[in-house]
C-alpha atoms as a PDB file:
ATOM      1  CA  MET A   1     -27.761 -75.887  45.722  1.00  0.00           C
ATOM      2  CA  ASN A   2     -25.175 -78.639  47.996  1.00  0.00           C
ATOM      3  CA  ASN A   3     -25.154 -77.324  51.402  1.00  0.00           C
ATOM      4  CA  ASP A   4     -21.206 -77.139  51.854  1.00  0.00           C
ATOM      5  CA  GLN A   5     -20.920 -74.705  48.317  1.00  0.00           C
ATOM      6  CA  LYS A   6     -24.133 -72.504  49.700  1.00  0.00           C
ATOM      7  CA  ASN A   7     -21.706 -70.501  52.082  1.00  0.00           C
ATOM      8  CA  ASN A   8     -18.510 -70.640  50.164  1.00  0.00           C
ATOM      9  CA  PRO A   9     -18.453 -66.966  48.173  1.00  0.00           C
ATOM     10  CA  LEU A  10     -15.655 -69.235  45.474  1.00  0.00           C
ATOM     11  CA  HIS A  11     -18.348 -71.562  44.563  1.00  0.00           C
ATOM     12  CA  GLY A  12     -18.789 -70.907  40.898  1.00  0.00           C
ATOM     13  CA  ILE A  13     -15.975 -68.320  40.481  1.00  0.00           C
ATOM     14  CA  THR A  14     -12.946 -68.935  38.226  1.00  0.00           C
ATOM     15  CA  LEU A  15      -9.930 -68.818  39.420  1.00  0.00           C
ATOM     16  CA  GLU A  16      -9.595 -65.828  36.098  1.00  0.00           C
ATOM     17  CA  THR A  17     -12.358 -63.793  37.092  1.00  0.00           C
ATOM     18  CA  ILE A  18     -10.904 -64.019  40.902  1.00  0.00           C
ATOM     19  CA  LEU A  19      -7.401 -62.757  39.192  1.00  0.00           C
ATOM     20  CA  ARG A  20      -9.281 -60.253  36.662  1.00  0.00           C
ATOM     21  CA  GLN A  21     -11.212 -58.924  39.296  1.00  0.00           C
ATOM     22  CA  LEU A  22      -7.998 -58.523  41.692  1.00  0.00           C
ATOM     23  CA  VAL A  23      -5.783 -57.021  38.796  1.00  0.00           C
ATOM     24  CA  GLU A  24      -8.375 -54.268  38.145  1.00  0.00           C
ATOM     25  CA  TYR A  25      -8.856 -53.516  41.319  1.00  0.00           C
ATOM     26  CA  TYR A  26      -5.044 -53.303  43.262  1.00  0.00           C
ATOM     27  CA  GLY A  27      -3.843 -53.491  40.047  1.00  0.00           C
ATOM     28  CA  TRP A  28      -0.589 -55.392  39.071  1.00  0.00           C
ATOM     29  CA  ASP A  29       1.925 -53.921  41.924  1.00  0.00           C
ATOM     30  CA  GLY A  30      -0.833 -53.948  43.775  1.00  0.00           C
ATOM     31  CA  LEU A  31      -1.620 -57.096  43.993  1.00  0.00           C
ATOM     32  CA  GLY A  32       2.802 -58.314  44.155  1.00  0.00           C
ATOM     33  CA  ASP A  33       2.716 -55.553  47.179  1.00  0.00           C
ATOM     34  CA  ARG A  34      -0.374 -57.857  49.380  1.00  0.00           C
ATOM     35  CA  ILE A  35       1.191 -60.717  47.297  1.00  0.00           C
ATOM     36  CA  ARG A  36       4.690 -61.232  46.818  1.00  0.00           C
ATOM     37  CA  ILE A  37       5.415 -63.853  43.753  1.00  0.00           C
ATOM     38  CA  ASN A  38       7.431 -63.361  40.808  1.00  0.00           C
ATOM     39  CA  CYS A  39       4.386 -63.859  38.822  1.00  0.00           C
ATOM     40  CA  PHE A  40       2.577 -60.287  39.882  1.00  0.00           C
ATOM     41  CA  LEU A  41       6.265 -58.788  40.445  1.00  0.00           C
ATOM     42  CA  SER A  42       8.047 -59.565  37.272  1.00  0.00           C
ATOM     43  CA  ASP A  43       6.374 -58.933  33.463  1.00  0.00           C
ATOM     44  CA  PRO A  44       3.389 -60.093  35.165  1.00  0.00           C
ATOM     45  CA  SER A  45       0.576 -60.779  32.823  1.00  0.00           C
ATOM     46  CA  VAL A  46      -2.502 -63.233  33.458  1.00  0.00           C
ATOM     47  CA  SER A  47      -1.489 -65.878  31.224  1.00  0.00           C
ATOM     48  CA  SER A  48       1.733 -65.992  33.330  1.00  0.00           C
ATOM     49  CA  SER A  49      -0.490 -65.649  36.729  1.00  0.00           C
ATOM     50  CA  LEU A  50      -2.828 -68.083  36.047  1.00  0.00           C
ATOM     51  CA  LYS A  51      -0.608 -71.338  35.120  1.00  0.00           C
ATOM     52  CA  PHE A  52       1.713 -70.854  38.299  1.00  0.00           C
ATOM     53  CA  LEU A  53      -1.565 -70.278  40.555  1.00  0.00           C
ATOM     54  CA  ARG A  54      -3.508 -73.341  38.979  1.00  0.00           C
ATOM     55  CA  LYS A  55      -0.164 -75.276  39.398  1.00  0.00           C
ATOM     56  CA  THR A  56       0.729 -74.159  43.216  1.00  0.00           C
ATOM     57  CA  PRO A  57      -2.320 -74.376  45.822  1.00  0.00           C
ATOM     58  CA  TRP A  58      -0.147 -72.287  48.397  1.00  0.00           C
ATOM     59  CA  ALA A  59      -0.110 -69.598  46.022  1.00  0.00           C
ATOM     60  CA  ARG A  60      -3.559 -69.570  44.349  1.00  0.00           C
ATOM     61  CA  ASN A  61      -4.989 -70.238  48.488  1.00  0.00           C
ATOM     62  CA  LYS A  62      -3.022 -66.731  49.141  1.00  0.00           C
ATOM     63  CA  VAL A  63      -5.215 -65.089  45.842  1.00  0.00           C
ATOM     64  CA  GLU A  64      -8.501 -66.472  47.186  1.00  0.00           C
ATOM     65  CA  GLU A  65      -7.939 -65.315  50.360  1.00  0.00           C
ATOM     66  CA  LEU A  66      -7.632 -61.966  48.801  1.00  0.00           C
ATOM     67  CA  TYR A  67     -10.644 -62.141  46.745  1.00  0.00           C
ATOM     68  CA  VAL A  68     -12.880 -63.480  50.059  1.00  0.00           C
ATOM     69  CA  ASN A  69     -11.590 -60.643  52.180  1.00  0.00           C
ATOM     70  CA  TRP A  70     -12.001 -57.638  48.967  1.00  0.00           C
ATOM     71  CA  LEU A  71     -15.607 -58.786  48.640  1.00  0.00           C
ATOM     72  CA  SER A  72     -16.157 -59.337  52.785  1.00  0.00           C
ATOM     73  CA  ASP A  73     -14.730 -55.572  52.727  1.00  0.00           C
ATOM     74  CA  ARG A  74     -17.140 -53.947  49.879  1.00  0.00           C
ATOM     75  CA  ASN A  75     -19.569 -56.057  51.428  1.00  0.00           C
ATOM     76  CA  LEU A  76     -20.257 -57.235  47.901  1.00  0.00           C
ATOM     77  CA  SER A  77     -22.352 -60.553  47.184  1.00  0.00           C
ATOM     78  CA  LEU A  78     -21.991 -62.864  44.593  1.00  0.00           C
END
């Protein structure tokens, strides 16, 4: 394994997996409360959210940060 990725909790996890797990845990409303972006607030779907997040680095970073914190809060390891 590449040493740069050894401690990266996101290594090997797709954006879709991250999004689906966060939606399952928080729901769209909870996700929209935590990250105020329209793709979570107005008629949300996994497909439209992925499209937006893949084009918008700052929003993707917020989602990834929330996911890492969510894992850390639960002491979940990958």
